[in-house]
C-alpha atoms as a PDB file:
ATOM      1  CA  MET A   1      -1.197 -17.875   9.756  1.00  0.00           C
ATOM      2  CA  PRO A   2      -1.569 -14.558   8.233  1.00  0.00           C
ATOM      3  CA  ARG A   3       0.572 -11.796   9.388  1.00  0.00           C
ATOM      4  CA  PHE A   4      -0.753  -8.165   9.660  1.00  0.00           C
ATOM      5  CA  ALA A   5       0.945  -4.550   9.403  1.00  0.00           C
ATOM      6  CA  ALA A   6      -0.487  -1.744  11.032  1.00  0.00           C
ATOM      7  CA  ASN A   7      -1.282   1.258   8.871  1.00  0.00           C
ATOM      8  CA  LEU A   8       0.196   4.274  11.510  1.00  0.00           C
ATOM      9  CA  SER A   9      -1.512   6.517   8.633  1.00  0.00           C
ATOM     10  CA  MET A  10      -4.961   5.071   9.960  1.00  0.00           C
ATOM     11  CA  MET A  11      -4.407   3.777  13.052  1.00  0.00           C
ATOM     12  CA  PHE A  12      -3.627   4.938  16.344  1.00  0.00           C
ATOM     13  CA  ASN A  13      -4.138   8.210  15.601  1.00  0.00           C
ATOM     14  CA  GLU A  14      -4.646   8.767  19.523  1.00  0.00           C
ATOM     15  CA  VAL A  15      -1.342   9.520  19.706  1.00  0.00           C
ATOM     16  CA  PRO A  16       1.552  11.331  17.765  1.00  0.00           C
ATOM     17  CA  PHE A  17       3.009   9.482  14.924  1.00  0.00           C
ATOM     18  CA  LEU A  18       5.901   8.774  15.902  1.00  0.00           C
ATOM     19  CA  ASP A  19       4.526   7.157  19.141  1.00  0.00           C
ATOM     20  CA  ARG A  20       2.548   5.195  17.128  1.00  0.00           C
ATOM     21  CA  PHE A  21       4.969   2.518  16.711  1.00  0.00           C
ATOM     22  CA  GLU A  22       4.733   1.692  20.227  1.00  0.00           C
ATOM     23  CA  ALA A  23       1.658   1.290  20.334  1.00  0.00           C
ATOM     24  CA  ALA A  24       1.179  -0.893  17.416  1.00  0.00           C
ATOM     25  CA  ALA A  25       4.029  -2.846  18.985  1.00  0.00           C
ATOM     26  CA  LYS A  26       2.001  -3.138  22.590  1.00  0.00           C
ATOM     27  CA  ALA A  27      -1.007  -4.298  20.655  1.00  0.00           C
ATOM     28  CA  GLY A  28       0.527  -7.038  18.976  1.00  0.00           C
ATOM     29  CA  PHE A  29       1.575  -5.969  15.897  1.00  0.00           C
ATOM     30  CA  LYS A  30       5.311  -7.028  14.256  1.00  0.00           C
ATOM     31  CA  ALA A  31       4.669  -4.480  11.249  1.00  0.00           C
ATOM     32  CA  VAL A  32       3.637  -1.263  10.474  1.00  0.00           C
ATOM     33  CA  GLU A  33       3.145   0.416   7.146  1.00  0.00           C
ATOM     34  CA  PHE A  34       2.001   3.897   6.206  1.00  0.00           C
ATOM     35  CA  LEU A  35       1.563   6.265   3.648  1.00  0.00           C
ATOM     36  CA  PHE A  36       4.234   8.887   4.030  1.00  0.00           C
ATOM     37  CA  PRO A  37       7.328   9.208   6.408  1.00  0.00           C
ATOM     38  CA  TYR A  38       8.943  12.229   4.659  1.00  0.00           C
ATOM     39  CA  ASP A  39       7.665  14.669   7.313  1.00  0.00           C
ATOM     40  CA  PHE A  40      10.009  13.020   9.879  1.00  0.00           C
ATOM     41  CA  PRO A  41      13.554  12.006  10.108  1.00  0.00           C
ATOM     42  CA  VAL A  42      14.735   9.316   8.409  1.00  0.00           C
ATOM     43  CA  GLU A  43      16.832   7.809  11.705  1.00  0.00           C
ATOM     44  CA  GLU A  44      13.558   8.988  14.098  1.00  0.00           C
ATOM     45  CA  ILE A  45      11.291   5.987  12.153  1.00  0.00           C
ATOM     46  CA  ALA A  46      14.410   3.956  11.652  1.00  0.00           C
ATOM     47  CA  ALA A  47      14.896   3.914  15.537  1.00  0.00           C
ATOM     48  CA  ARG A  48      11.316   2.733  16.683  1.00  0.00           C
ATOM     49  CA  LEU A  49      11.615   0.058  14.128  1.00  0.00           C
ATOM     50  CA  LYS A  50      14.652  -0.678  15.908  1.00  0.00           C
ATOM     51  CA  GLN A  51      13.290  -0.209  19.352  1.00  0.00           C
ATOM     52  CA  PHE A  52      10.116  -1.999  18.774  1.00  0.00           C
ATOM     53  CA  GLY A  53      11.142  -5.158  16.774  1.00  0.00           C
ATOM     54  CA  LEU A  54       8.815  -3.985  14.318  1.00  0.00           C
ATOM     55  CA  THR A  55       9.038  -4.907  10.152  1.00  0.00           C
ATOM     56  CA  GLN A  56       8.317  -1.883   7.705  1.00  0.00           C
ATOM     57  CA  ALA A  57       6.029  -3.603   5.237  1.00  0.00           C
ATOM     58  CA  LEU A  58       5.457  -0.449   2.869  1.00  0.00           C
ATOM     59  CA  PHE A  59       5.185   3.248   2.084  1.00  0.00           C
ATOM     60  CA  ASN A  60       4.622   5.331  -0.182  1.00  0.00           C
ATOM     61  CA  LEU A  61       6.634   7.334  -2.986  1.00  0.00           C
ATOM     62  CA  PRO A  62       6.560  11.042  -2.543  1.00  0.00           C
ATOM     63  CA  PRO A  63       2.790  11.655  -4.410  1.00  0.00           C
ATOM     64  CA  GLY A  64       3.172  15.708  -5.266  1.00  0.00           C
ATOM     65  CA  ASP A  65       1.604  17.977  -3.225  1.00  0.00           C
ATOM     66  CA  TRP A  66      -0.977  16.160  -1.564  1.00  0.00           C
ATOM     67  CA  THR A  67      -2.431  18.875   0.187  1.00  0.00           C
ATOM     68  CA  LYS A  68      -3.548  20.356  -3.012  1.00  0.00           C
ATOM     69  CA  GLY A  69      -5.224  17.323  -4.239  1.00  0.00           C
ATOM     70  CA  GLU A  70      -1.946  15.502  -5.705  1.00  0.00           C
ATOM     71  CA  ARG A  71      -2.223  11.810  -5.838  1.00  0.00           C
ATOM     72  CA  GLY A  72       1.001  10.998  -7.524  1.00  0.00           C
ATOM     73  CA  ILE A  73       2.683  12.376 -10.669  1.00  0.00           C
ATOM     74  CA  ALA A  74       4.462   9.192 -12.442  1.00  0.00           C
ATOM     75  CA  ALA A  75       1.747  10.147 -15.328  1.00  0.00           C
ATOM     76  CA  LEU A  76       1.875  13.819 -15.135  1.00  0.00           C
ATOM     77  CA  ALA A  77       3.161  15.813 -18.085  1.00  0.00           C
ATOM     78  CA  GLY A  78       6.126  18.024 -17.284  1.00  0.00           C
ATOM     79  CA  ARG A  79       6.883  16.429 -14.092  1.00  0.00           C
ATOM     80  CA  GLU A  80       9.317  13.574 -15.147  1.00  0.00           C
ATOM     81  CA  ALA A  81      12.097  15.214 -13.594  1.00  0.00           C
ATOM     82  CA  GLU A  82      10.346  15.737 -10.529  1.00  0.00           C
ATOM     83  CA  PHE A  83       9.359  12.043 -10.081  1.00  0.00           C
ATOM     84  CA  ARG A  84      13.176  10.547 -10.754  1.00  0.00           C
ATOM     85  CA  GLN A  85      14.194  13.085  -8.008  1.00  0.00           C
ATOM     86  CA  SER A  86      11.157  11.911  -5.659  1.00  0.00           C
ATOM     87  CA  LEU A  87      12.686   8.453  -5.785  1.00  0.00           C
ATOM     88  CA  GLU A  88      15.961   9.875  -4.803  1.00  0.00           C
ATOM     89  CA  ILE A  89      14.208  11.611  -1.932  1.00  0.00           C
ATOM     90  CA  ALA A  90      12.641   8.378  -0.731  1.00  0.00           C
ATOM     91  CA  LYS A  91      15.410   5.905  -1.501  1.00  0.00           C
ATOM     92  CA  PRO A  92      17.391   6.972   2.197  1.00  0.00           C
ATOM     93  CA  TYR A  93      14.020   6.079   4.080  1.00  0.00           C
ATOM     94  CA  ALA A  94      13.633   2.912   2.241  1.00  0.00           C
ATOM     95  CA  LEU A  95      17.183   1.972   2.954  1.00  0.00           C
ATOM     96  CA  ALA A  96      16.823   2.968   6.759  1.00  0.00           C
ATOM     97  CA  THR A  97      13.910   0.939   7.303  1.00  0.00           C
ATOM     98  CA  GLY A  98      14.634  -2.050   5.580  1.00  0.00           C
ATOM     99  CA  VAL A  99      11.488  -2.001   3.606  1.00  0.00           C
ATOM    100  CA  LYS A 100      11.155  -3.886   0.295  1.00  0.00           C
ATOM    101  CA  ARG A 101       7.953  -2.608  -0.905  1.00  0.00           C
ATOM    102  CA  LEU A 102       7.185   1.047  -2.136  1.00  0.00           C
ATOM    103  CA  HIS A 103       3.493   2.150  -3.700  1.00  0.00           C
ATOM    104  CA  LEU A 104       4.165   4.437  -6.438  1.00  0.00           C
ATOM    105  CA  MET A 105       1.086   6.622  -7.405  1.00  0.00           C
ATOM    106  CA  ALA A 106       0.040   7.294 -10.611  1.00  0.00           C
ATOM    107  CA  GLY A 107      -1.740  10.697 -10.674  1.00  0.00           C
ATOM    108  CA  SER A 108      -5.328  11.882 -11.686  1.00  0.00           C
ATOM    109  CA  VAL A 109      -5.084  11.705 -15.466  1.00  0.00           C
ATOM    110  CA  SER A 110      -7.312   9.818 -17.891  1.00  0.00           C
ATOM    111  CA  ARG A 111      -6.407   6.415 -18.884  1.00  0.00           C
ATOM    112  CA  SER A 112      -7.169   7.457 -22.534  1.00  0.00           C
ATOM    113  CA  GLU A 113      -4.461   9.906 -23.132  1.00  0.00           C
ATOM    114  CA  THR A 114      -1.685   7.641 -24.765  1.00  0.00           C
ATOM    115  CA  ALA A 115       1.161   9.943 -23.626  1.00  0.00           C
ATOM    116  CA  ALA A 116      -0.377  10.161 -19.675  1.00  0.00           C
ATOM    117  CA  LEU A 117       0.302   6.072 -20.336  1.00  0.00           C
ATOM    118  CA  THR A 118       3.809   6.206 -21.869  1.00  0.00           C
ATOM    119  CA  ARG A 119       5.067   8.462 -19.021  1.00  0.00           C
ATOM    120  CA  TYR A 120       3.448   6.329 -16.528  1.00  0.00           C
ATOM    121  CA  LYS A 121       4.960   3.263 -17.687  1.00  0.00           C
ATOM    122  CA  ASP A 122       8.242   5.098 -18.304  1.00  0.00           C
ATOM    123  CA  ALA A 123       8.234   6.357 -14.398  1.00  0.00           C
ATOM    124  CA  ILE A 124       7.326   2.521 -13.402  1.00  0.00           C
ATOM    125  CA  ARG A 125      10.350   1.273 -15.238  1.00  0.00           C
ATOM    126  CA  HIS A 126      12.513   3.612 -13.845  1.00  0.00           C
ATOM    127  CA  ALA A 127      11.598   3.384 -10.164  1.00  0.00           C
ATOM    128  CA  ALA A 128      12.249  -0.423 -10.853  1.00  0.00           C
ATOM    129  CA  GLU A 129      15.584  -0.106 -12.034  1.00  0.00           C
ATOM    130  CA  THR A 130      16.110   2.419  -9.032  1.00  0.00           C
ATOM    131  CA  PHE A 131      15.249   0.306  -6.628  1.00  0.00           C
ATOM    132  CA  ALA A 132      16.017  -3.401  -7.857  1.00  0.00           C
ATOM    133  CA  PRO A 133      19.356  -3.092  -6.374  1.00  0.00           C
ATOM    134  CA  HIS A 134      18.183  -2.902  -3.158  1.00  0.00           C
ATOM    135  CA  GLY A 135      15.762  -5.781  -3.583  1.00  0.00           C
ATOM    136  CA  ILE A 136      12.420  -3.698  -3.289  1.00  0.00           C
ATOM    137  CA  ASP A 137       9.502  -3.902  -5.288  1.00  0.00           C
ATOM    138  CA  ILE A 138       7.722  -1.350  -6.914  1.00  0.00           C
ATOM    139  CA  LEU A 139       3.838  -1.860  -6.034  1.00  0.00           C
ATOM    140  CA  LEU A 140       1.109  -0.469  -8.290  1.00  0.00           C
ATOM    141  CA  GLU A 141      -2.686  -0.205  -6.491  1.00  0.00           C
ATOM    142  CA  PRO A 142      -5.697   0.442  -8.485  1.00  0.00           C
ATOM    143  CA  LEU A 143      -7.629   2.707  -6.532  1.00  0.00           C
ATOM    144  CA  ASN A 144     -11.694   3.194  -6.228  1.00  0.00           C
ATOM    145  CA  THR A 145     -13.585   5.990  -8.376  1.00  0.00           C
ATOM    146  CA  ARG A 146     -15.477   6.596  -5.464  1.00  0.00           C
ATOM    147  CA  ASP A 147     -12.916   8.143  -3.001  1.00  0.00           C
ATOM    148  CA  MET A 148     -10.441   8.682  -5.678  1.00  0.00           C
ATOM    149  CA  PRO A 149     -12.137   9.989  -8.762  1.00  0.00           C
ATOM    150  CA  GLY A 150     -10.138  10.588 -11.897  1.00  0.00           C
ATOM    151  CA  TYR A 151      -7.171   8.317 -10.929  1.00  0.00           C
ATOM    152  CA  LEU A 152      -5.660   6.909 -13.782  1.00  0.00           C
ATOM    153  CA  LEU A 153      -5.360   3.280 -12.282  1.00  0.00           C
ATOM    154  CA  ASP A 154      -8.648   2.115 -11.383  1.00  0.00           C
ATOM    155  CA  SER A 155      -8.861  -1.275 -12.507  1.00  0.00           C
ATOM    156  CA  TYR A 156      -7.474  -4.398 -11.125  1.00  0.00           C
ATOM    157  CA  ASP A 157      -7.710  -6.090 -14.590  1.00  0.00           C
ATOM    158  CA  TYR A 158      -5.828  -3.337 -16.416  1.00  0.00           C
ATOM    159  CA  ALA A 159      -3.227  -3.039 -13.579  1.00  0.00           C
ATOM    160  CA  ALA A 160      -2.893  -6.725 -14.108  1.00  0.00           C
ATOM    161  CA  GLU A 161      -2.709  -6.510 -17.972  1.00  0.00           C
ATOM    162  CA  LEU A 162      -0.104  -3.511 -17.419  1.00  0.00           C
ATOM    163  CA  ILE A 163       2.238  -5.576 -14.977  1.00  0.00           C
ATOM    164  CA  THR A 164       2.146  -8.048 -16.609  1.00  0.00           C
ATOM    165  CA  GLY A 165       2.966  -6.426 -20.318  1.00  0.00           C
ATOM    166  CA  LEU A 166       5.896  -4.560 -18.699  1.00  0.00           C
ATOM    167  CA  GLY A 167       7.673  -8.084 -17.434  1.00  0.00           C
ATOM    168  CA  ILE A 168       9.734  -6.109 -14.758  1.00  0.00           C
ATOM    169  CA  ALA A 169       9.880  -8.781 -11.881  1.00  0.00           C
ATOM    170  CA  ASN A 170      10.238  -6.478  -9.191  1.00  0.00           C
ATOM    171  CA  VAL A 171       7.034  -4.892 -10.100  1.00  0.00           C
ATOM    172  CA  LYS A 172       3.572  -6.572  -8.840  1.00  0.00           C
ATOM    173  CA  LEU A 173       0.294  -5.812  -7.524  1.00  0.00           C
ATOM    174  CA  GLN A 174      -0.784  -3.979  -4.297  1.00  0.00           C
ATOM    175  CA  PHE A 175      -4.134  -5.852  -3.583  1.00  0.00           C
ATOM    176  CA  ASP A 176      -6.442  -3.958  -1.370  1.00  0.00           C
ATOM    177  CA  ILE A 177      -9.251  -5.635  -0.483  1.00  0.00           C
ATOM    178  CA  TYR A 178     -11.772  -2.691   0.096  1.00  0.00           C
ATOM    179  CA  HIS A 179     -10.758  -1.065  -3.429  1.00  0.00           C
ATOM    180  CA  CYS A 180     -11.467  -4.503  -5.523  1.00  0.00           C
ATOM    181  CA  GLN A 181     -14.793  -4.792  -4.051  1.00  0.00           C
ATOM    182  CA  ILE A 182     -15.858  -1.485  -4.272  1.00  0.00           C
ATOM    183  CA  LEU A 183     -14.510  -1.526  -8.176  1.00  0.00           C
ATOM    184  CA  HIS A 184     -15.397  -4.969  -8.987  1.00  0.00           C
ATOM    185  CA  GLY A 185     -16.514  -7.676  -6.278  1.00  0.00           C
ATOM    186  CA  ASP A 186     -15.645 -10.705  -7.105  1.00  0.00           C
ATOM    187  CA  VAL A 187     -12.961 -10.488  -4.923  1.00  0.00           C
ATOM    188  CA  THR A 188     -11.699 -13.749  -3.984  1.00  0.00           C
ATOM    189  CA  MET A 189     -11.926 -15.015  -8.407  1.00  0.00           C
ATOM    190  CA  ARG A 190      -9.575 -11.987  -8.782  1.00  0.00           C
ATOM    191  CA  MET A 191      -7.525 -12.830  -6.115  1.00  0.00           C
ATOM    192  CA  ARG A 192      -6.589 -16.404  -7.284  1.00  0.00           C
ATOM    193  CA  ALA A 193      -6.256 -15.118 -10.336  1.00  0.00           C
ATOM    194  CA  MET A 194      -3.815 -12.504 -10.213  1.00  0.00           C
ATOM    195  CA  PHE A 195      -1.914 -14.080  -6.983  1.00  0.00           C
ATOM    196  CA  PRO A 196       1.166 -14.731  -9.176  1.00  0.00           C
ATOM    197  CA  ILE A 197       1.687 -10.853  -9.767  1.00  0.00           C
ATOM    198  CA  ILE A 198       0.277 -10.074  -5.961  1.00  0.00           C
ATOM    199  CA  GLY A 199       3.010  -7.816  -3.575  1.00  0.00           C
ATOM    200  CA  HIS A 200       1.226  -6.663  -0.855  1.00  0.00           C
ATOM    201  CA  VAL A 201      -2.436  -6.897   0.434  1.00  0.00           C
ATOM    202  CA  GLN A 202      -4.672  -4.407   2.259  1.00  0.00           C
ATOM    203  CA  VAL A 203      -8.008  -4.656   4.085  1.00  0.00           C
ATOM    204  CA  ALA A 204     -10.691  -2.733   5.304  1.00  0.00           C
ATOM    205  CA  SER A 205     -14.187  -2.719   5.642  1.00  0.00           C
ATOM    206  CA  ILE A 206     -16.747  -2.010   3.091  1.00  0.00           C
ATOM    207  CA  PRO A 207     -18.174   0.263   2.339  1.00  0.00           C
ATOM    208  CA  SER A 208     -17.352   2.493   5.267  1.00  0.00           C
ATOM    209  CA  ARG A 209     -13.640   1.729   5.425  1.00  0.00           C
ATOM    210  CA  HIS A 210     -13.481   0.509   9.154  1.00  0.00           C
ATOM    211  CA  GLU A 211     -12.369  -2.838  10.960  1.00  0.00           C
ATOM    212  CA  PRO A 212     -12.425  -5.820   9.267  1.00  0.00           C
ATOM    213  CA  MET A 213     -15.009  -8.359   9.620  1.00  0.00           C
ATOM    214  CA  SER A 214     -17.451  -5.604  10.316  1.00  0.00           C
ATOM    215  CA  GLU A 215     -19.329  -5.136   7.237  1.00  0.00           C
ATOM    216  CA  GLU A 216     -20.275  -6.640   3.655  1.00  0.00           C
ATOM    217  CA  LEU A 217     -17.154  -9.343   3.718  1.00  0.00           C
ATOM    218  CA  ASN A 218     -16.484 -12.224   5.057  1.00  0.00           C
ATOM    219  CA  ASP A 219     -12.534 -10.965   5.993  1.00  0.00           C
ATOM    220  CA  ALA A 220     -11.828 -14.155   7.677  1.00  0.00           C
ATOM    221  CA  PHE A 221     -12.610 -16.573   4.437  1.00  0.00           C
ATOM    222  CA  LEU A 222     -10.046 -13.817   2.474  1.00  0.00           C
ATOM    223  CA  PHE A 223      -7.342 -14.483   5.044  1.00  0.00           C
ATOM    224  CA  ALA A 224      -7.987 -17.573   5.274  1.00  0.00           C
ATOM    225  CA  GLU A 225      -7.888 -17.965   1.094  1.00  0.00           C
ATOM    226  CA  LEU A 226      -4.552 -15.908   0.947  1.00  0.00           C
ATOM    227  CA  ASP A 227      -2.914 -19.306   3.520  1.00  0.00           C
ATOM    228  CA  ARG A 228      -3.947 -21.363   1.085  1.00  0.00           C
ATOM    229  CA  LEU A 229      -2.593 -19.684  -1.581  1.00  0.00           C
ATOM    230  CA  GLY A 230       0.769 -19.221   0.004  1.00  0.00           C
ATOM    231  CA  TYR A 231       0.803 -15.743   0.470  1.00  0.00           C
ATOM    232  CA  GLN A 232       3.820 -14.770   2.608  1.00  0.00           C
ATOM    233  CA  GLY A 233       3.578 -11.345   2.891  1.00  0.00           C
ATOM    234  CA  PHE A 234       1.907  -8.844   4.925  1.00  0.00           C
ATOM    235  CA  ILE A 235      -1.978  -7.874   5.040  1.00  0.00           C
ATOM    236  CA  GLY A 236      -1.840  -4.415   5.807  1.00  0.00           C
ATOM    237  CA  GLY A 237      -4.897  -2.634   7.921  1.00  0.00           C
ATOM    238  CA  GLU A 238      -5.638   0.305   6.274  1.00  0.00           C
ATOM    239  CA  TYR A 239      -8.560   1.016   7.891  1.00  0.00           C
ATOM    240  CA  ARG A 240     -10.449   3.959  10.187  1.00  0.00           C
ATOM    241  CA  PRO A 241     -11.170   2.948  13.156  1.00  0.00           C
ATOM    242  CA  LYS A 242     -14.619   3.313  14.070  1.00  0.00           C
ATOM    243  CA  ALA A 243     -14.630   3.836  17.553  1.00  0.00           C
ATOM    244  CA  GLY A 244     -10.740   3.935  18.453  1.00  0.00           C
ATOM    245  CA  THR A 245      -8.227   1.839  17.233  1.00  0.00           C
ATOM    246  CA  GLU A 246      -7.800  -0.232  20.778  1.00  0.00           C
ATOM    247  CA  ALA A 247     -11.312  -0.481  21.169  1.00  0.00           C
ATOM    248  CA  GLY A 248     -11.739  -1.963  17.195  1.00  0.00           C
ATOM    249  CA  LEU A 249      -9.408  -4.471  17.904  1.00  0.00           C
ATOM    250  CA  GLY A 250     -11.301  -7.192  18.173  1.00  0.00           C
ATOM    251  CA  TRP A 251     -11.132  -8.913  14.678  1.00  0.00           C
ATOM    252  CA  PHE A 252      -7.002  -9.072  15.425  1.00  0.00           C
ATOM    253  CA  ALA A 253      -7.071 -11.143  18.492  1.00  0.00           C
ATOM    254  CA  PRO A 254      -7.347 -14.695  16.688  1.00  0.00           C
ATOM    255  CA  TYR A 255      -4.599 -13.739  14.505  1.00  0.00           C
ATOM    256  CA  ARG A 256      -2.260 -11.413  17.317  1.00  0.00           C
ATOM    257  CA  ALA A 257       1.583 -13.051  17.819  1.00  0.00           C
END
């Protein structure tokens, strides 16, 4: 039976962020994920996870200036020191929440720039080394070019090649069904081929990024396929509810704990 994490950056937006932990627990979720925790005291987040018996499945390392359109700084020239400092900002949140997966965003820069790729690989190595003693994986997620034009990591095949080439035990793939379908299609075959390096899975409908099972893919089949493959992690519901979070949770009913 697949296990699901509610993405609190997108779901339960009917209430303030810190109240979404309770809302997710009441809806039957046993885990949560979100983009960034850094606007809130780490003690507050850890307390809510404990109070409502939730597992922190995932969050992102600091992305640079999100409000100005930055989507990661790992590959950006002149930002190396800032990137390393960002890992120290994330560390207390990781340790306090008990999270075991952190998403490292590459940044918006062309993959054809050799120097950018070198910086990106160096950043991945440093992040992996920083968090390995704490049993934390660093995840790389390809993002589709429609939602995120110009993003360096825009190919699942390249991501697999990169992760395999680096050969670092705690660097894995964040397999987002929504992004994979838009970029490539053939989701099931890629999931099967890449399963040995998958560290986390996310889902949303295609093309509108609403609830699973509401548009073009047979998500129930994909969830069953993950079970057949032996996936033990969480599937993050990283989607925008079409008409309110609670109203759209019919897809989750067969999997509710």
